[in-house]
Amino acid sequence: EHLPARTLAAAAGRAGVAILAGDAFYPQGSLGQLDG
């Protein structure tokens, strides 16, 4: 919970590692509580 994916992705990018944060894979207004 304390580590948002975008924060981790940005830190990884500065270290020369590319990853994708999960929220890019969710449509706006998805059912349920998860947003990636």
PDB file of all heavy atoms in Angstrom:
ATOM      1  N   GLU A   1       0.815  -1.216   0.000  1.00  0.00           N
ATOM      2  CA  GLU A   1       0.000   0.000   0.000  1.00  0.00           C
ATOM      3  C   GLU A   1       0.848   1.265   0.000  1.00  0.00           C
ATOM      4  O   GLU A   1       0.462   2.285  -0.561  1.00  0.00           O
ATOM      5  CB  GLU A   1      -0.943   0.002   1.210  1.00  0.00           C
ATOM      6  CG  GLU A   1      -2.060  -1.023   1.129  1.00  0.00           C
ATOM      7  CD  GLU A   1      -3.013  -0.725  -0.018  1.00  0.00           C
ATOM      8  OE1 GLU A   1      -3.301   0.466  -0.259  1.00  0.00           O
ATOM      9  OE2 GLU A   1      -3.464  -1.674  -0.686  1.00  0.00           O
ATOM     10  N   HIS A   2       2.009   1.210   0.645  1.00  0.00           N
ATOM     11  CA  HIS A   2       2.805   2.432   0.785  1.00  0.00           C
ATOM     12  C   HIS A   2       3.664   2.728  -0.444  1.00  0.00           C
ATOM     13  O   HIS A   2       4.398   3.720  -0.463  1.00  0.00           O
ATOM     14  CB  HIS A   2       3.716   2.323   2.010  1.00  0.00           C
ATOM     15  CG  HIS A   2       4.799   1.287   1.870  1.00  0.00           C
ATOM     16  ND1 HIS A   2       4.588  -0.032   2.187  1.00  0.00           N
ATOM     17  CD2 HIS A   2       6.082   1.380   1.425  1.00  0.00           C
ATOM     18  CE1 HIS A   2       5.705  -0.711   1.958  1.00  0.00           C
ATOM     19  NE2 HIS A   2       6.621   0.116   1.499  1.00  0.00           N
ATOM     20  N   LEU A   3       3.571   1.896  -1.489  1.00  0.00           N
ATOM     21  CA  LEU A   3       4.438   2.077  -2.650  1.00  0.00           C
ATOM     22  C   LEU A   3       3.613   2.155  -3.932  1.00  0.00           C
ATOM     23  O   LEU A   3       3.332   1.134  -4.577  1.00  0.00           O
ATOM     24  CB  LEU A   3       5.429   0.918  -2.753  1.00  0.00           C
ATOM     25  CG  LEU A   3       6.470   0.992  -3.887  1.00  0.00           C
ATOM     26  CD1 LEU A   3       7.299   2.265  -3.787  1.00  0.00           C
ATOM     27  CD2 LEU A   3       7.372  -0.232  -3.858  1.00  0.00           C
ATOM     28  N   PRO A   4       3.190   3.355  -4.339  1.00  0.00           N
ATOM     29  CA  PRO A   4       2.435   3.495  -5.594  1.00  0.00           C
ATOM     30  C   PRO A   4       3.283   3.055  -6.783  1.00  0.00           C
ATOM     31  O   PRO A   4       4.491   3.310  -6.849  1.00  0.00           O
ATOM     32  CB  PRO A   4       2.133   4.996  -5.658  1.00  0.00           C
ATOM     33  CG  PRO A   4       2.279   5.489  -4.251  1.00  0.00           C
ATOM     34  CD  PRO A   4       3.339   4.633  -3.629  1.00  0.00           C
ATOM     35  N   ALA A   5       2.638   2.410  -7.736  1.00  0.00           N
ATOM     36  CA  ALA A   5       3.364   1.859  -8.879  1.00  0.00           C
ATOM     37  C   ALA A   5       4.053   2.941  -9.696  1.00  0.00           C
ATOM     38  O   ALA A   5       5.161   2.741 -10.198  1.00  0.00           O
ATOM     39  CB  ALA A   5       2.402   1.061  -9.759  1.00  0.00           C
ATOM     40  N   ARG A   6       3.418   4.098  -9.845  1.00  0.00           N
ATOM     41  CA  ARG A   6       4.040   5.159 -10.635  1.00  0.00           C
ATOM     42  C   ARG A   6       5.300   5.692  -9.961  1.00  0.00           C
ATOM     43  O   ARG A   6       6.265   6.059 -10.632  1.00  0.00           O
ATOM     44  CB  ARG A   6       3.042   6.291 -10.894  1.00  0.00           C
ATOM     45  CG  ARG A   6       2.059   5.960 -11.993  1.00  0.00           C
ATOM     46  CD  ARG A   6       1.337   7.196 -12.493  1.00  0.00           C
ATOM     47  NE  ARG A   6       0.417   6.860 -13.567  1.00  0.00           N
ATOM     48  CZ  ARG A   6       0.749   6.851 -14.850  1.00  0.00           C
ATOM     49  NH1 ARG A   6       1.983   7.138 -15.212  1.00  0.00           N
ATOM     50  NH2 ARG A   6      -0.145   6.554 -15.770  1.00  0.00           N
ATOM     51  N   THR A   7       5.286   5.750  -8.651  1.00  0.00           N
ATOM     52  CA  THR A   7       6.481   6.189  -7.935  1.00  0.00           C
ATOM     53  C   THR A   7       7.621   5.201  -8.148  1.00  0.00           C
ATOM     54  O   THR A   7       8.768   5.588  -8.398  1.00  0.00           O
ATOM     55  CB  THR A   7       6.184   6.325  -6.436  1.00  0.00           C
ATOM     56  OG1 THR A   7       5.137   7.287  -6.261  1.00  0.00           O
ATOM     57  CG2 THR A   7       7.416   6.788  -5.671  1.00  0.00           C
ATOM     58  N   LEU A   8       7.297   3.909  -8.063  1.00  0.00           N
ATOM     59  CA  LEU A   8       8.305   2.883  -8.283  1.00  0.00           C
ATOM     60  C   LEU A   8       8.804   2.915  -9.725  1.00  0.00           C
ATOM     61  O   LEU A   8      10.011   2.801  -9.978  1.00  0.00           O
ATOM     62  CB  LEU A   8       7.733   1.502  -7.968  1.00  0.00           C
ATOM     63  CG  LEU A   8       8.670   0.315  -8.209  1.00  0.00           C
ATOM     64  CD1 LEU A   8       9.920   0.427  -7.362  1.00  0.00           C
ATOM     65  CD2 LEU A   8       7.960  -1.001  -7.922  1.00  0.00           C
ATOM     66  N   ALA A   9       7.883   3.074 -10.696  1.00  0.00           N
ATOM     67  CA  ALA A   9       8.282   3.108 -12.099  1.00  0.00           C
ATOM     68  C   ALA A   9       9.211   4.285 -12.385  1.00  0.00           C
ATOM     69  O   ALA A   9      10.180   4.159 -13.143  1.00  0.00           O
ATOM     70  CB  ALA A   9       7.046   3.176 -12.997  1.00  0.00           C
ATOM     71  N   ALA A  10       8.929   5.443 -11.774  1.00  0.00           N
ATOM     72  CA  ALA A  10       9.786   6.608 -11.977  1.00  0.00           C
ATOM     73  C   ALA A  10      11.171   6.383 -11.386  1.00  0.00           C
ATOM     74  O   ALA A  10      12.188   6.709 -12.000  1.00  0.00           O
ATOM     75  CB  ALA A  10       9.129   7.839 -11.348  1.00  0.00           C
ATOM     76  N   ALA A  11      11.213   5.808 -10.175  1.00  0.00           N
ATOM     77  CA  ALA A  11      12.509   5.526  -9.548  1.00  0.00           C
ATOM     78  C   ALA A  11      13.294   4.501 -10.360  1.00  0.00           C
ATOM     79  O   ALA A  11      14.506   4.626 -10.549  1.00  0.00           O
ATOM     80  CB  ALA A  11      12.297   5.031  -8.125  1.00  0.00           C
ATOM     81  N   ALA A  12      12.605   3.477 -10.859  1.00  0.00           N
ATOM     82  CA  ALA A  12      13.264   2.462 -11.676  1.00  0.00           C
ATOM     83  C   ALA A  12      13.822   3.081 -12.955  1.00  0.00           C
ATOM     84  O   ALA A  12      14.936   2.748 -13.392  1.00  0.00           O
ATOM     85  CB  ALA A  12      12.287   1.339 -12.006  1.00  0.00           C
ATOM     86  N   GLY A  13      13.045   3.979 -13.559  1.00  0.00           N
ATOM     87  CA  GLY A  13      13.507   4.636 -14.775  1.00  0.00           C
ATOM     88  C   GLY A  13      14.783   5.422 -14.557  1.00  0.00           C
ATOM     89  O   GLY A  13      15.685   5.399 -15.403  1.00  0.00           O
ATOM     90  N   ARG A  14      14.872   6.110 -13.416  1.00  0.00           N
ATOM     91  CA  ARG A  14      16.090   6.860 -13.122  1.00  0.00           C
ATOM     92  C   ARG A  14      17.279   5.930 -12.913  1.00  0.00           C
ATOM     93  O   ARG A  14      18.431   6.332 -13.079  1.00  0.00           O
ATOM     94  CB  ARG A  14      15.877   7.748 -11.889  1.00  0.00           C
ATOM     95  CG  ARG A  14      14.878   8.884 -12.121  1.00  0.00           C
ATOM     96  CD  ARG A  14      14.927   9.913 -11.008  1.00  0.00           C
ATOM     97  NE  ARG A  14      14.459   9.382  -9.745  1.00  0.00           N
ATOM     98  CZ  ARG A  14      13.190   9.390  -9.347  1.00  0.00           C
ATOM     99  NH1 ARG A  14      12.260   9.893 -10.152  1.00  0.00           N
ATOM    100  NH2 ARG A  14      12.841   8.913  -8.170  1.00  0.00           N
ATOM    101  N   ALA A  15      17.004   4.675 -12.555  1.00  0.00           N
ATOM    102  CA  ALA A  15      18.073   3.692 -12.352  1.00  0.00           C
ATOM    103  C   ALA A  15      18.364   2.886 -13.620  1.00  0.00           C
ATOM    104  O   ALA A  15      19.171   1.960 -13.590  1.00  0.00           O
ATOM    105  CB  ALA A  15      17.696   2.746 -11.209  1.00  0.00           C
ATOM    106  N   GLY A  16      17.696   3.218 -14.718  1.00  0.00           N
ATOM    107  CA  GLY A  16      17.964   2.538 -15.971  1.00  0.00           C
ATOM    108  C   GLY A  16      17.162   1.275 -16.186  1.00  0.00           C
ATOM    109  O   GLY A  16      17.554   0.406 -16.959  1.00  0.00           O
ATOM    110  N   VAL A  17      16.011   1.166 -15.517  1.00  0.00           N
ATOM    111  CA  VAL A  17      15.148  -0.013 -15.645  1.00  0.00           C
ATOM    112  C   VAL A  17      13.738   0.459 -16.001  1.00  0.00           C
ATOM    113  O   VAL A  17      13.173   1.309 -15.318  1.00  0.00           O
ATOM    114  CB  VAL A  17      15.112  -0.839 -14.339  1.00  0.00           C
ATOM    115  CG1 VAL A  17      14.199  -2.043 -14.496  1.00  0.00           C
ATOM    116  CG2 VAL A  17      16.509  -1.277 -13.940  1.00  0.00           C
ATOM    117  N   ALA A  18      13.163  -0.100 -17.061  1.00  0.00           N
ATOM    118  CA  ALA A  18      11.823   0.291 -17.495  1.00  0.00           C
ATOM    119  C   ALA A  18      10.796  -0.748 -17.065  1.00  0.00           C
ATOM    120  O   ALA A  18      10.942  -1.935 -17.352  1.00  0.00           O
ATOM    121  CB  ALA A  18      11.785   0.455 -19.009  1.00  0.00           C
ATOM    122  N   ILE A  19       9.773  -0.288 -16.340  1.00  0.00           N
ATOM    123  CA  ILE A  19       8.645  -1.135 -15.966  1.00  0.00           C
ATOM    124  C   ILE A  19       7.369  -0.353 -16.259  1.00  0.00           C
ATOM    125  O   ILE A  19       7.412   0.849 -16.505  1.00  0.00           O
ATOM    126  CB  ILE A  19       8.691  -1.549 -14.477  1.00  0.00           C
ATOM    127  CG1 ILE A  19       8.569  -0.306 -13.573  1.00  0.00           C
ATOM    128  CG2 ILE A  19       9.963  -2.315 -14.161  1.00  0.00           C
ATOM    129  CD1 ILE A  19       8.520  -0.640 -12.094  1.00  0.00           C
ATOM    130  N   LEU A  20       6.232  -1.036 -16.218  1.00  0.00           N
ATOM    131  CA  LEU A  20       4.957  -0.375 -16.476  1.00  0.00           C
ATOM    132  C   LEU A  20       4.092  -0.383 -15.223  1.00  0.00           C
ATOM    133  O   LEU A  20       3.839  -1.445 -14.644  1.00  0.00           O
ATOM    134  CB  LEU A  20       4.203  -1.070 -17.610  1.00  0.00           C
ATOM    135  CG  LEU A  20       4.708  -0.820 -19.030  1.00  0.00           C
ATOM    136  CD1 LEU A  20       3.780  -1.480 -20.030  1.00  0.00           C
ATOM    137  CD2 LEU A  20       4.835   0.659 -19.327  1.00  0.00           C
ATOM    138  N   ALA A  21       3.629   0.795 -14.829  1.00  0.00           N
ATOM    139  CA  ALA A  21       2.698   0.909 -13.712  1.00  0.00           C
ATOM    140  C   ALA A  21       1.336   0.376 -14.132  1.00  0.00           C
ATOM    141  O   ALA A  21       0.903   0.539 -15.278  1.00  0.00           O
ATOM    142  CB  ALA A  21       2.581   2.361 -13.264  1.00  0.00           C
ATOM    143  N   GLY A  22       0.635  -0.264 -13.199  1.00  0.00           N
ATOM    144  CA  GLY A  22      -0.583  -0.979 -13.528  1.00  0.00           C
ATOM    145  C   GLY A  22      -1.774  -0.137 -13.885  1.00  0.00           C
ATOM    146  O   GLY A  22      -2.704  -0.621 -14.551  1.00  0.00           O
ATOM    147  N   ASP A  23      -1.802   1.140 -13.475  1.00  0.00           N
ATOM    148  CA  ASP A  23      -3.019   1.924 -13.717  1.00  0.00           C
ATOM    149  C   ASP A  23      -3.260   2.194 -15.189  1.00  0.00           C
ATOM    150  O   ASP A  23      -4.383   2.498 -15.592  1.00  0.00           O
ATOM    151  CB  ASP A  23      -3.004   3.230 -12.922  1.00  0.00           C
ATOM    152  CG  ASP A  23      -1.761   4.070 -13.178  1.00  0.00           C
ATOM    153  OD1 ASP A  23      -0.852   3.598 -13.891  1.00  0.00           O
ATOM    154  OD2 ASP A  23      -1.688   5.196 -12.656  1.00  0.00           O
ATOM    155  N   ALA A  24      -2.228   2.064 -16.034  1.00  0.00           N
ATOM    156  CA  ALA A  24      -2.412   2.270 -17.473  1.00  0.00           C
ATOM    157  C   ALA A  24      -3.334   1.223 -18.082  1.00  0.00           C
ATOM    158  O   ALA A  24      -3.892   1.438 -19.163  1.00  0.00           O
ATOM    159  CB  ALA A  24      -1.062   2.236 -18.186  1.00  0.00           C
ATOM    160  N   PHE A  25      -3.534   0.093 -17.391  1.00  0.00           N
ATOM    161  CA  PHE A  25      -4.299  -1.022 -17.945  1.00  0.00           C
ATOM    162  C   PHE A  25      -5.769  -1.014 -17.517  1.00  0.00           C
ATOM    163  O   PHE A  25      -6.497  -1.955 -17.834  1.00  0.00           O
ATOM    164  CB  PHE A  25      -3.665  -2.350 -17.528  1.00  0.00           C
ATOM    165  CG  PHE A  25      -2.251  -2.521 -18.015  1.00  0.00           C
ATOM    166  CD1 PHE A  25      -1.180  -2.167 -17.217  1.00  0.00           C
ATOM    167  CD2 PHE A  25      -1.997  -3.008 -19.280  1.00  0.00           C
ATOM    168  CE1 PHE A  25       0.128  -2.320 -17.664  1.00  0.00           C
ATOM    169  CE2 PHE A  25      -0.701  -3.161 -19.745  1.00  0.00           C
ATOM    170  CZ  PHE A  25       0.363  -2.818 -18.932  1.00  0.00           C
ATOM    171  N   TYR A  26      -6.186   0.011 -16.810  1.00  0.00           N
ATOM    172  CA  TYR A  26      -7.566   0.059 -16.318  1.00  0.00           C
ATOM    173  C   TYR A  26      -8.361   1.135 -17.037  1.00  0.00           C
ATOM    174  O   TYR A  26      -7.913   2.280 -17.140  1.00  0.00           O
ATOM    175  CB  TYR A  26      -7.597   0.333 -14.807  1.00  0.00           C
ATOM    176  CG  TYR A  26      -7.290  -0.883 -13.977  1.00  0.00           C
ATOM    177  CD1 TYR A  26      -5.985  -1.306 -13.791  1.00  0.00           C
ATOM    178  CD2 TYR A  26      -8.309  -1.629 -13.391  1.00  0.00           C
ATOM    179  CE1 TYR A  26      -5.692  -2.436 -13.034  1.00  0.00           C
ATOM    180  CE2 TYR A  26      -8.030  -2.749 -12.632  1.00  0.00           C
ATOM    181  CZ  TYR A  26      -6.726  -3.145 -12.461  1.00  0.00           C
ATOM    182  OH  TYR A  26      -6.446  -4.275 -11.716  1.00  0.00           O
ATOM    183  N   PRO A  27      -9.544   0.796 -17.543  1.00  0.00           N
ATOM    184  CA  PRO A  27     -10.401   1.818 -18.136  1.00  0.00           C
ATOM    185  C   PRO A  27     -10.945   2.733 -17.051  1.00  0.00           C
ATOM    186  O   PRO A  27     -11.080   2.338 -15.897  1.00  0.00           O
ATOM    187  CB  PRO A  27     -11.527   1.013 -18.786  1.00  0.00           C
ATOM    188  CG  PRO A  27     -11.592  -0.250 -17.992  1.00  0.00           C
ATOM    189  CD  PRO A  27     -10.180  -0.538 -17.563  1.00  0.00           C
ATOM    190  N   GLN A  28     -11.253   3.956 -17.444  1.00  0.00           N
ATOM    191  CA  GLN A  28     -11.867   4.873 -16.485  1.00  0.00           C
ATOM    192  C   GLN A  28     -13.228   4.325 -16.068  1.00  0.00           C
ATOM    193  O   GLN A  28     -13.985   3.809 -16.875  1.00  0.00           O
ATOM    194  CB  GLN A  28     -12.036   6.247 -17.122  1.00  0.00           C
ATOM    195  CG  GLN A  28     -10.718   6.900 -17.533  1.00  0.00           C
ATOM    196  CD  GLN A  28     -10.963   8.202 -18.234  1.00  0.00           C
ATOM    197  OE1 GLN A  28     -11.494   9.139 -17.644  1.00  0.00           O
ATOM    198  NE2 GLN A  28     -10.595   8.276 -19.494  1.00  0.00           N
ATOM    199  N   GLY A  29     -13.514   4.423 -14.785  1.00  0.00           N
ATOM    200  CA  GLY A  29     -14.807   3.975 -14.309  1.00  0.00           C
ATOM    201  C   GLY A  29     -14.929   2.479 -14.204  1.00  0.00           C
ATOM    202  O   GLY A  29     -16.022   1.940 -14.354  1.00  0.00           O
ATOM    203  N   SER A  30     -13.821   1.762 -13.944  1.00  0.00           N
ATOM    204  CA  SER A  30     -13.892   0.307 -13.811  1.00  0.00           C
ATOM    205  C   SER A  30     -14.736  -0.075 -12.602  1.00  0.00           C
ATOM    206  O   SER A  30     -14.736   0.614 -11.584  1.00  0.00           O
ATOM    207  CB  SER A  30     -12.486  -0.274 -13.634  1.00  0.00           C
ATOM    208  OG  SER A  30     -11.689  -0.021 -14.751  1.00  0.00           O
ATOM    209  N   LEU A  31     -15.447  -1.192 -12.736  1.00  0.00           N
ATOM    210  CA  LEU A  31     -16.185  -1.715 -11.601  1.00  0.00           C
ATOM    211  C   LEU A  31     -15.197  -2.208 -10.548  1.00  0.00           C
ATOM    212  O   LEU A  31     -14.109  -2.666 -10.857  1.00  0.00           O
ATOM    213  CB  LEU A  31     -17.080  -2.864 -12.028  1.00  0.00           C
ATOM    214  CG  LEU A  31     -18.262  -2.517 -12.929  1.00  0.00           C
ATOM    215  CD1 LEU A  31     -18.975  -3.784 -13.356  1.00  0.00           C
ATOM    216  CD2 LEU A  31     -19.225  -1.600 -12.208  1.00  0.00           C
ATOM    217  N   GLY A  32     -15.583  -2.147  -9.281  1.00  0.00           N
ATOM    218  CA  GLY A  32     -14.699  -2.636  -8.228  1.00  0.00           C
ATOM    219  C   GLY A  32     -13.788  -1.538  -7.731  1.00  0.00           C
ATOM    220  O   GLY A  32     -13.809  -0.397  -8.185  1.00  0.00           O
ATOM    221  N   GLN A  33     -12.936  -1.876  -6.787  1.00  0.00           N
ATOM    222  CA  GLN A  33     -12.106  -0.901  -6.113  1.00  0.00           C
ATOM    223  C   GLN A  33     -10.711  -0.772  -6.728  1.00  0.00           C
ATOM    224  O   GLN A  33     -10.025   0.210  -6.496  1.00  0.00           O
ATOM    225  CB  GLN A  33     -11.968  -1.294  -4.631  1.00  0.00           C
ATOM    226  CG  GLN A  33     -13.303  -1.363  -3.904  1.00  0.00           C
ATOM    227  CD  GLN A  33     -14.045  -0.046  -3.947  1.00  0.00           C
ATOM    228  OE1 GLN A  33     -13.472   1.010  -3.685  1.00  0.00           O
ATOM    229  NE2 GLN A  33     -15.330  -0.098  -4.281  1.00  0.00           N
ATOM    230  N   LEU A  34     -10.256  -1.753  -7.482  1.00  0.00           N
ATOM    231  CA  LEU A  34      -8.902  -1.712  -8.000  1.00  0.00           C
ATOM    232  C   LEU A  34      -8.775  -0.729  -9.154  1.00  0.00           C
ATOM    233  O   LEU A  34      -9.643  -0.645 -10.011  1.00  0.00           O
ATOM    234  CB  LEU A  34      -8.475  -3.111  -8.459  1.00  0.00           C
ATOM    235  CG  LEU A  34      -8.363  -4.181  -7.369  1.00  0.00           C
ATOM    236  CD1 LEU A  34      -7.959  -5.503  -7.991  1.00  0.00           C
ATOM    237  CD2 LEU A  34      -7.361  -3.764  -6.307  1.00  0.00           C
ATOM    238  N   ASP A  35      -7.678   0.016  -9.171  1.00  0.00           N
ATOM    239  CA  ASP A  35      -7.415   0.922 -10.277  1.00  0.00           C
ATOM    240  C   ASP A  35      -6.011   0.744 -10.833  1.00  0.00           C
ATOM    241  O   ASP A  35      -5.569   1.503 -11.690  1.00  0.00           O
ATOM    242  CB  ASP A  35      -7.611   2.378  -9.851  1.00  0.00           C
ATOM    243  CG  ASP A  35      -6.675   2.779  -8.702  1.00  0.00           C
ATOM    244  OD1 ASP A  35      -5.832   1.955  -8.290  1.00  0.00           O
ATOM    245  OD2 ASP A  35      -6.778   3.922  -8.238  1.00  0.00           O
ATOM    246  N   GLY A  36      -5.287  -0.252 -10.352  1.00  0.00           N
ATOM    247  CA  GLY A  36      -3.961  -0.533 -10.869  1.00  0.00           C
ATOM    248  C   GLY A  36      -2.837   0.217 -10.201  1.00  0.00           C
ATOM    249  O   GLY A  36      -1.674  -0.003 -10.524  1.00  0.00           O
TER     250      GLY A  36
END
